[in-house]
Amino acid sequence: MGQYDINLFHKVYREISEELGIEAALVIHQMFKGTQVSFPIRFLDTKCVKEMIVKEYDGTNIKALAKKYDYSEKSIRRIIKGSIK
């Protein structure tokens, strides 16, 4: 790979380069150039997480599931209640 002056990079690619390295920035550029990309707030797929919560629920672990999947306890209760219907 040739030498790159990171100061010449567009702001977003400079930030990616600083955080993940120039190679990662180049790969991301190649994959998504010209495309508007938005990233969901949640990293994990909501449908899959709901299925895991229902599967892992043992009647006493709402707080642990909320912490594990970064949901509120109220959301965990709603997911469990919705699975019963």
PDB file of N, CA and C in Angstrom:
ATOM      1  N   MET A   1       0.851  -1.178   0.000  1.00  0.00           N
ATOM      2  CA  MET A   1       0.000   0.000   0.000  1.00  0.00           C
ATOM      3  C   MET A   1       0.891   1.232   0.000  1.00  0.00           C
ATOM      4  N   GLY A   2       0.520   2.223  -0.795  1.00  0.00           N
ATOM      5  CA  GLY A   2       1.303   3.454  -0.864  1.00  0.00           C
ATOM      6  C   GLY A   2       1.117   4.321   0.365  1.00  0.00           C
ATOM      7  N   GLN A   3       1.859   5.387   0.408  1.00  0.00           N
ATOM      8  CA  GLN A   3       1.754   6.338   1.512  1.00  0.00           C
ATOM      9  C   GLN A   3       0.546   7.231   1.289  1.00  0.00           C
ATOM     10  N   TYR A   4      -0.186   7.484   2.340  1.00  0.00           N
ATOM     11  CA  TYR A   4      -1.339   8.362   2.281  1.00  0.00           C
ATOM     12  C   TYR A   4      -1.172   9.447   3.331  1.00  0.00           C
ATOM     13  N   ASP A   5      -1.512  10.684   2.964  1.00  0.00           N
ATOM     14  CA  ASP A   5      -1.531  11.782   3.923  1.00  0.00           C
ATOM     15  C   ASP A   5      -2.945  11.865   4.466  1.00  0.00           C
ATOM     16  N   ILE A   6      -3.129  11.394   5.680  1.00  0.00           N
ATOM     17  CA  ILE A   6      -4.444  11.319   6.303  1.00  0.00           C
ATOM     18  C   ILE A   6      -5.123  12.687   6.374  1.00  0.00           C
ATOM     19  N   ASN A   7      -4.340  13.744   6.391  1.00  0.00           N
ATOM     20  CA  ASN A   7      -4.897  15.096   6.453  1.00  0.00           C
ATOM     21  C   ASN A   7      -5.632  15.488   5.178  1.00  0.00           C
ATOM     22  N   LEU A   8      -5.396  14.759   4.097  1.00  0.00           N
ATOM     23  CA  LEU A   8      -6.079  15.031   2.839  1.00  0.00           C
ATOM     24  C   LEU A   8      -7.409  14.286   2.720  1.00  0.00           C
ATOM     25  N   PHE A   9      -7.656  13.359   3.637  1.00  0.00           N
ATOM     26  CA  PHE A   9      -8.875  12.558   3.588  1.00  0.00           C
ATOM     27  C   PHE A   9     -10.090  13.403   3.933  1.00  0.00           C
ATOM     28  N   HIS A  10     -11.227  13.032   3.348  1.00  0.00           N
ATOM     29  CA  HIS A  10     -12.506  13.599   3.744  1.00  0.00           C
ATOM     30  C   HIS A  10     -12.684  13.286   5.226  1.00  0.00           C
ATOM     31  N   LYS A  11     -13.383  14.150   5.953  1.00  0.00           N
ATOM     32  CA  LYS A  11     -13.500  14.035   7.411  1.00  0.00           C
ATOM     33  C   LYS A  11     -13.917  12.633   7.878  1.00  0.00           C
ATOM     34  N   VAL A  12     -14.928  12.064   7.251  1.00  0.00           N
ATOM     35  CA  VAL A  12     -15.419  10.759   7.700  1.00  0.00           C
ATOM     36  C   VAL A  12     -14.354   9.673   7.507  1.00  0.00           C
ATOM     37  N   TYR A  13     -13.623   9.714   6.397  1.00  0.00           N
ATOM     38  CA  TYR A  13     -12.584   8.707   6.166  1.00  0.00           C
ATOM     39  C   TYR A  13     -11.374   8.943   7.060  1.00  0.00           C
ATOM     40  N   ARG A  14     -11.123  10.199   7.384  1.00  0.00           N
ATOM     41  CA  ARG A  14     -10.043  10.510   8.330  1.00  0.00           C
ATOM     42  C   ARG A  14     -10.380   9.935   9.708  1.00  0.00           C
ATOM     43  N   GLU A  15     -11.633  10.110  10.132  1.00  0.00           N
ATOM     44  CA  GLU A  15     -12.057   9.575  11.432  1.00  0.00           C
ATOM     45  C   GLU A  15     -11.974   8.052  11.454  1.00  0.00           C
ATOM     46  N   ILE A  16     -12.421   7.430  10.382  1.00  0.00           N
ATOM     47  CA  ILE A  16     -12.340   5.968  10.293  1.00  0.00           C
ATOM     48  C   ILE A  16     -10.881   5.522  10.311  1.00  0.00           C
ATOM     49  N   SER A  17     -10.036   6.216   9.575  1.00  0.00           N
ATOM     50  CA  SER A  17      -8.608   5.879   9.536  1.00  0.00           C
ATOM     51  C   SER A  17      -7.963   5.996  10.899  1.00  0.00           C
ATOM     52  N   GLU A  18      -8.312   7.047  11.610  1.00  0.00           N
ATOM     53  CA  GLU A  18      -7.729   7.251  12.944  1.00  0.00           C
ATOM     54  C   GLU A  18      -8.183   6.172  13.925  1.00  0.00           C
ATOM     55  N   GLU A  19      -9.415   5.734  13.776  1.00  0.00           N
ATOM     56  CA  GLU A  19      -9.971   4.752  14.704  1.00  0.00           C
ATOM     57  C   GLU A  19      -9.653   3.309  14.315  1.00  0.00           C
ATOM     58  N   LEU A  20      -9.745   2.998  13.011  1.00  0.00           N
ATOM     59  CA  LEU A  20      -9.634   1.611  12.555  1.00  0.00           C
ATOM     60  C   LEU A  20      -8.451   1.339  11.644  1.00  0.00           C
ATOM     61  N   GLY A  21      -7.811   2.397  11.165  1.00  0.00           N
ATOM     62  CA  GLY A  21      -6.678   2.241  10.266  1.00  0.00           C
ATOM     63  C   GLY A  21      -7.045   2.625   8.841  1.00  0.00           C
ATOM     64  N   ILE A  22      -6.023   2.976   8.070  1.00  0.00           N
ATOM     65  CA  ILE A  22      -6.226   3.422   6.694  1.00  0.00           C
ATOM     66  C   ILE A  22      -6.806   2.307   5.826  1.00  0.00           C
ATOM     67  N   GLU A  23      -6.353   1.081   6.025  1.00  0.00           N
ATOM     68  CA  GLU A  23      -6.868  -0.028   5.209  1.00  0.00           C
ATOM     69  C   GLU A  23      -8.371  -0.189   5.379  1.00  0.00           C
ATOM     70  N   ALA A  24      -8.862  -0.085   6.612  1.00  0.00           N
ATOM     71  CA  ALA A  24     -10.298  -0.197   6.861  1.00  0.00           C
ATOM     72  C   ALA A  24     -11.045   0.934   6.171  1.00  0.00           C
ATOM     73  N   ALA A  25     -10.497   2.142   6.236  1.00  0.00           N
ATOM     74  CA  ALA A  25     -11.130   3.289   5.580  1.00  0.00           C
ATOM     75  C   ALA A  25     -11.208   3.061   4.070  1.00  0.00           C
ATOM     76  N   LEU A  26     -10.150   2.515   3.492  1.00  0.00           N
ATOM     77  CA  LEU A  26     -10.147   2.245   2.053  1.00  0.00           C
ATOM     78  C   LEU A  26     -11.181   1.175   1.682  1.00  0.00           C
ATOM     79  N   VAL A  27     -11.306   0.148   2.504  1.00  0.00           N
ATOM     80  CA  VAL A  27     -12.293  -0.910   2.243  1.00  0.00           C
ATOM     81  C   VAL A  27     -13.705  -0.341   2.346  1.00  0.00           C
ATOM     82  N   ILE A  28     -13.963   0.433   3.383  1.00  0.00           N
ATOM     83  CA  ILE A  28     -15.289   1.039   3.554  1.00  0.00           C
ATOM     84  C   ILE A  28     -15.602   1.960   2.386  1.00  0.00           C
ATOM     85  N   HIS A  29     -14.613   2.745   1.968  1.00  0.00           N
ATOM     86  CA  HIS A  29     -14.812   3.628   0.818  1.00  0.00           C
ATOM     87  C   HIS A  29     -15.161   2.824  -0.419  1.00  0.00           C
ATOM     88  N   GLN A  30     -14.429   1.760  -0.668  1.00  0.00           N
ATOM     89  CA  GLN A  30     -14.668   0.933  -1.846  1.00  0.00           C
ATOM     90  C   GLN A  30     -16.054   0.286  -1.800  1.00  0.00           C
ATOM     91  N   MET A  31     -16.466  -0.152  -0.628  1.00  0.00           N
ATOM     92  CA  MET A  31     -17.759  -0.830  -0.487  1.00  0.00           C
ATOM     93  C   MET A  31     -18.945   0.122  -0.618  1.00  0.00           C
ATOM     94  N   PHE A  32     -18.817   1.337  -0.068  1.00  0.00           N
ATOM     95  CA  PHE A  32     -19.985   2.201   0.071  1.00  0.00           C
ATOM     96  C   PHE A  32     -19.891   3.547  -0.647  1.00  0.00           C
ATOM     97  N   LYS A  33     -18.851   3.797  -1.399  1.00  0.00           N
ATOM     98  CA  LYS A  33     -18.710   5.117  -2.026  1.00  0.00           C
ATOM     99  C   LYS A  33     -19.945   5.441  -2.857  1.00  0.00           C
ATOM    100  N   GLY A  34     -20.409   6.665  -2.699  1.00  0.00           N
ATOM    101  CA  GLY A  34     -21.584   7.118  -3.428  1.00  0.00           C
ATOM    102  C   GLY A  34     -22.907   6.697  -2.820  1.00  0.00           C
ATOM    103  N   THR A  35     -22.861   5.947  -1.736  1.00  0.00           N
ATOM    104  CA  THR A  35     -24.074   5.451  -1.097  1.00  0.00           C
ATOM    105  C   THR A  35     -24.284   6.166   0.228  1.00  0.00           C
ATOM    106  N   GLN A  36     -25.516   6.551   0.482  1.00  0.00           N
ATOM    107  CA  GLN A  36     -25.814   7.125   1.794  1.00  0.00           C
ATOM    108  C   GLN A  36     -26.077   5.964   2.738  1.00  0.00           C
ATOM    109  N   VAL A  37     -25.338   5.922   3.837  1.00  0.00           N
ATOM    110  CA  VAL A  37     -25.434   4.821   4.786  1.00  0.00           C
ATOM    111  C   VAL A  37     -25.877   5.368   6.128  1.00  0.00           C
ATOM    112  N   SER A  38     -26.833   4.688   6.744  1.00  0.00           N
ATOM    113  CA  SER A  38     -27.194   5.030   8.124  1.00  0.00           C
ATOM    114  C   SER A  38     -27.067   3.757   8.945  1.00  0.00           C
ATOM    115  N   PHE A  39     -26.608   3.904  10.151  1.00  0.00           N
ATOM    116  CA  PHE A  39     -26.395   2.757  11.009  1.00  0.00           C
ATOM    117  C   PHE A  39     -27.457   2.726  12.094  1.00  0.00           C
ATOM    118  N   PRO A  40     -28.151   1.596  12.254  1.00  0.00           N
ATOM    119  CA  PRO A  40     -29.151   1.484  13.309  1.00  0.00           C
ATOM    120  C   PRO A  40     -28.506   1.696  14.681  1.00  0.00           C
ATOM    121  N   ILE A  41     -29.281   2.208  15.597  1.00  0.00           N
ATOM    122  CA  ILE A  41     -28.780   2.423  16.954  1.00  0.00           C
ATOM    123  C   ILE A  41     -28.416   1.086  17.587  1.00  0.00           C
ATOM    124  N   ARG A  42     -29.253   0.104  17.377  1.00  0.00           N
ATOM    125  CA  ARG A  42     -28.995  -1.223  17.953  1.00  0.00           C
ATOM    126  C   ARG A  42     -28.123  -2.039  17.001  1.00  0.00           C
ATOM    127  N   PHE A  43     -27.099  -2.667  17.552  1.00  0.00           N
ATOM    128  CA  PHE A  43     -26.180  -3.479  16.762  1.00  0.00           C
ATOM    129  C   PHE A  43     -26.803  -4.826  16.403  1.00  0.00           C
ATOM    130  N   LEU A  44     -27.546  -5.399  17.353  1.00  0.00           N
ATOM    131  CA  LEU A  44     -28.145  -6.717  17.151  1.00  0.00           C
ATOM    132  C   LEU A  44     -29.525  -6.587  16.519  1.00  0.00           C
ATOM    133  N   ASP A  45     -29.899  -7.555  15.695  1.00  0.00           N
ATOM    134  CA  ASP A  45     -31.188  -7.585  15.035  1.00  0.00           C
ATOM    135  C   ASP A  45     -32.305  -7.724  16.073  1.00  0.00           C
ATOM    136  N   THR A  46     -33.265  -6.818  16.048  1.00  0.00           N
ATOM    137  CA  THR A  46     -34.327  -6.769  17.043  1.00  0.00           C
ATOM    138  C   THR A  46     -35.134  -8.061  17.091  1.00  0.00           C
ATOM    139  N   LYS A  47     -35.485  -8.603  15.943  1.00  0.00           N
ATOM    140  CA  LYS A  47     -36.285  -9.835  15.908  1.00  0.00           C
ATOM    141  C   LYS A  47     -35.532 -10.992  16.571  1.00  0.00           C
ATOM    142  N   CYS A  48     -34.263 -11.117  16.264  1.00  0.00           N
ATOM    143  CA  CYS A  48     -33.450 -12.186  16.855  1.00  0.00           C
ATOM    144  C   CYS A  48     -33.307 -12.006  18.366  1.00  0.00           C
ATOM    145  N   VAL A  49     -33.118 -10.764  18.791  1.00  0.00           N
ATOM    146  CA  VAL A  49     -32.975 -10.492  20.224  1.00  0.00           C
ATOM    147  C   VAL A  49     -34.263 -10.852  20.954  1.00  0.00           C
ATOM    148  N   LYS A  50     -35.400 -10.501  20.379  1.00  0.00           N
ATOM    149  CA  LYS A  50     -36.684 -10.836  21.010  1.00  0.00           C
ATOM    150  C   LYS A  50     -36.826 -12.352  21.158  1.00  0.00           C
ATOM    151  N   GLU A  51     -36.438 -13.083  20.136  1.00  0.00           N
ATOM    152  CA  GLU A  51     -36.503 -14.546  20.206  1.00  0.00           C
ATOM    153  C   GLU A  51     -35.590 -15.080  21.302  1.00  0.00           C
ATOM    154  N   MET A  52     -34.402 -14.500  21.433  1.00  0.00           N
ATOM    155  CA  MET A  52     -33.460 -14.939  22.469  1.00  0.00           C
ATOM    156  C   MET A  52     -33.993 -14.616  23.857  1.00  0.00           C
ATOM    157  N   ILE A  53     -34.593 -13.447  24.009  1.00  0.00           N
ATOM    158  CA  ILE A  53     -35.155 -13.061  25.309  1.00  0.00           C
ATOM    159  C   ILE A  53     -36.229 -14.047  25.732  1.00  0.00           C
ATOM    160  N   VAL A  54     -37.131 -14.375  24.820  1.00  0.00           N
ATOM    161  CA  VAL A  54     -38.201 -15.327  25.132  1.00  0.00           C
ATOM    162  C   VAL A  54     -37.616 -16.688  25.469  1.00  0.00           C
ATOM    163  N   LYS A  55     -36.618 -17.106  24.710  1.00  0.00           N
ATOM    164  CA  LYS A  55     -35.993 -18.415  24.933  1.00  0.00           C
ATOM    165  C   LYS A  55     -35.249 -18.463  26.274  1.00  0.00           C
ATOM    166  N   GLU A  56     -34.589 -17.367  26.647  1.00  0.00           N
ATOM    167  CA  GLU A  56     -33.771 -17.343  27.859  1.00  0.00           C
ATOM    168  C   GLU A  56     -34.556 -16.983  29.122  1.00  0.00           C
ATOM    169  N   TYR A  57     -35.762 -16.479  28.969  1.00  0.00           N
ATOM    170  CA  TYR A  57     -36.557 -16.072  30.122  1.00  0.00           C
ATOM    171  C   TYR A  57     -36.918 -17.285  30.969  1.00  0.00           C
ATOM    172  N   ASP A  58     -36.621 -17.189  32.277  1.00  0.00           N
ATOM    173  CA  ASP A  58     -36.910 -18.307  33.178  1.00  0.00           C
ATOM    174  C   ASP A  58     -37.925 -17.937  34.270  1.00  0.00           C
ATOM    175  N   GLY A  59     -38.543 -16.780  34.123  1.00  0.00           N
ATOM    176  CA  GLY A  59     -39.530 -16.347  35.099  1.00  0.00           C
ATOM    177  C   GLY A  59     -38.963 -15.443  36.180  1.00  0.00           C
ATOM    178  N   THR A  60     -37.627 -15.374  36.267  1.00  0.00           N
ATOM    179  CA  THR A  60     -37.009 -14.582  37.340  1.00  0.00           C
ATOM    180  C   THR A  60     -35.887 -13.672  36.847  1.00  0.00           C
ATOM    181  N   ASN A  61     -35.556 -13.703  35.582  1.00  0.00           N
ATOM    182  CA  ASN A  61     -34.337 -13.035  35.110  1.00  0.00           C
ATOM    183  C   ASN A  61     -34.573 -11.807  34.221  1.00  0.00           C
ATOM    184  N   ILE A  62     -35.632 -11.073  34.471  1.00  0.00           N
ATOM    185  CA  ILE A  62     -35.923  -9.880  33.665  1.00  0.00           C
ATOM    186  C   ILE A  62     -34.788  -8.876  33.747  1.00  0.00           C
ATOM    187  N   LYS A  63     -34.304  -8.620  34.941  1.00  0.00           N
ATOM    188  CA  LYS A  63     -33.238  -7.631  35.114  1.00  0.00           C
ATOM    189  C   LYS A  63     -31.965  -8.059  34.368  1.00  0.00           C
ATOM    190  N   ALA A  64     -31.611  -9.322  34.462  1.00  0.00           N
ATOM    191  CA  ALA A  64     -30.404  -9.833  33.794  1.00  0.00           C
ATOM    192  C   ALA A  64     -30.548  -9.750  32.273  1.00  0.00           C
ATOM    193  N   LEU A  65     -31.729 -10.074  31.755  1.00  0.00           N
ATOM    194  CA  LEU A  65     -31.958  -9.993  30.313  1.00  0.00           C
ATOM    195  C   LEU A  65     -31.908  -8.548  29.832  1.00  0.00           C
ATOM    196  N   ALA A  66     -32.469  -7.647  30.625  1.00  0.00           N
ATOM    197  CA  ALA A  66     -32.431  -6.230  30.270  1.00  0.00           C
ATOM    198  C   ALA A  66     -30.991  -5.744  30.166  1.00  0.00           C
ATOM    199  N   LYS A  67     -30.194  -6.142  31.100  1.00  0.00           N
ATOM    200  CA  LYS A  67     -28.784  -5.732  31.096  1.00  0.00           C
ATOM    201  C   LYS A  67     -28.033  -6.380  29.925  1.00  0.00           C
ATOM    202  N   LYS A  68     -28.246  -7.654  29.726  1.00  0.00           N
ATOM    203  CA  LYS A  68     -27.545  -8.398  28.681  1.00  0.00           C
ATOM    204  C   LYS A  68     -27.825  -7.827  27.287  1.00  0.00           C
ATOM    205  N   TYR A  69     -29.083  -7.486  27.016  1.00  0.00           N
ATOM    206  CA  TYR A  69     -29.464  -7.048  25.677  1.00  0.00           C
ATOM    207  C   TYR A  69     -29.656  -5.536  25.562  1.00  0.00           C
ATOM    208  N   ASP A  70     -29.333  -4.809  26.618  1.00  0.00           N
ATOM    209  CA  ASP A  70     -29.412  -3.349  26.635  1.00  0.00           C
ATOM    210  C   ASP A  70     -30.830  -2.850  26.325  1.00  0.00           C
ATOM    211  N   TYR A  71     -31.788  -3.466  26.979  1.00  0.00           N
ATOM    212  CA  TYR A  71     -33.185  -3.060  26.908  1.00  0.00           C
ATOM    213  C   TYR A  71     -33.625  -2.669  28.313  1.00  0.00           C
ATOM    214  N   SER A  72     -34.716  -1.932  28.405  1.00  0.00           N
ATOM    215  CA  SER A  72     -35.261  -1.616  29.723  1.00  0.00           C
ATOM    216  C   SER A  72     -36.019  -2.841  30.234  1.00  0.00           C
ATOM    217  N   GLU A  73     -36.199  -2.912  31.535  1.00  0.00           N
ATOM    218  CA  GLU A  73     -36.971  -4.021  32.105  1.00  0.00           C
ATOM    219  C   GLU A  73     -38.402  -3.986  31.586  1.00  0.00           C
ATOM    220  N   LYS A  74     -38.930  -2.792  31.398  1.00  0.00           N
ATOM    221  CA  LYS A  74     -40.287  -2.642  30.857  1.00  0.00           C
ATOM    222  C   LYS A  74     -40.364  -3.251  29.459  1.00  0.00           C
ATOM    223  N   SER A  75     -39.346  -3.020  28.636  1.00  0.00           N
ATOM    224  CA  SER A  75     -39.330  -3.594  27.286  1.00  0.00           C
ATOM    225  C   SER A  75     -39.246  -5.109  27.334  1.00  0.00           C
ATOM    226  N   ILE A  76     -38.465  -5.645  28.259  1.00  0.00           N
ATOM    227  CA  ILE A  76     -38.352  -7.098  28.403  1.00  0.00           C
ATOM    228  C   ILE A  76     -39.715  -7.685  28.768  1.00  0.00           C
ATOM    229  N   ARG A  77     -40.388  -7.042  29.718  1.00  0.00           N
ATOM    230  CA  ARG A  77     -41.726  -7.523  30.113  1.00  0.00           C
ATOM    231  C   ARG A  77     -42.692  -7.494  28.921  1.00  0.00           C
ATOM    232  N   ARG A  78     -42.626  -6.418  28.133  1.00  0.00           N
ATOM    233  CA  ARG A  78     -43.512  -6.280  26.973  1.00  0.00           C
ATOM    234  C   ARG A  78     -43.206  -7.378  25.936  1.00  0.00           C
ATOM    235  N   ILE A  79     -41.944  -7.676  25.719  1.00  0.00           N
ATOM    236  CA  ILE A  79     -41.550  -8.719  24.774  1.00  0.00           C
ATOM    237  C   ILE A  79     -42.063 -10.079  25.242  1.00  0.00           C
ATOM    238  N   ILE A  80     -41.890 -10.355  26.518  1.00  0.00           N
ATOM    239  CA  ILE A  80     -42.328 -11.639  27.073  1.00  0.00           C
ATOM    240  C   ILE A  80     -43.852 -11.746  27.009  1.00  0.00           C
ATOM    241  N   LYS A  81     -44.523 -10.673  27.401  1.00  0.00           N
ATOM    242  CA  LYS A  81     -45.986 -10.658  27.351  1.00  0.00           C
ATOM    243  C   LYS A  81     -46.486 -10.855  25.923  1.00  0.00           C
ATOM    244  N   GLY A  82     -45.819 -10.217  24.960  1.00  0.00           N
ATOM    245  CA  GLY A  82     -46.213 -10.341  23.560  1.00  0.00           C
ATOM    246  C   GLY A  82     -46.002 -11.738  23.022  1.00  0.00           C
ATOM    247  N   SER A  83     -45.045 -12.465  23.589  1.00  0.00           N
ATOM    248  CA  SER A  83     -44.778 -13.826  23.109  1.00  0.00           C
ATOM    249  C   SER A  83     -45.806 -14.824  23.631  1.00  0.00           C
ATOM    250  N   ILE A  84     -46.480 -14.458  24.709  1.00  0.00           N
ATOM    251  CA  ILE A  84     -47.465 -15.353  25.314  1.00  0.00           C
ATOM    252  C   ILE A  84     -48.742 -15.352  24.503  1.00  0.00           C
ATOM    253  N   LYS A  85     -49.053 -14.231  23.845  1.00  0.00           N
ATOM    254  CA  LYS A  85     -50.296 -14.113  23.057  1.00  0.00           C
ATOM    255  C   LYS A  85     -50.280 -14.990  21.842  1.00  0.00           C
TER     256      LYS A  85
END
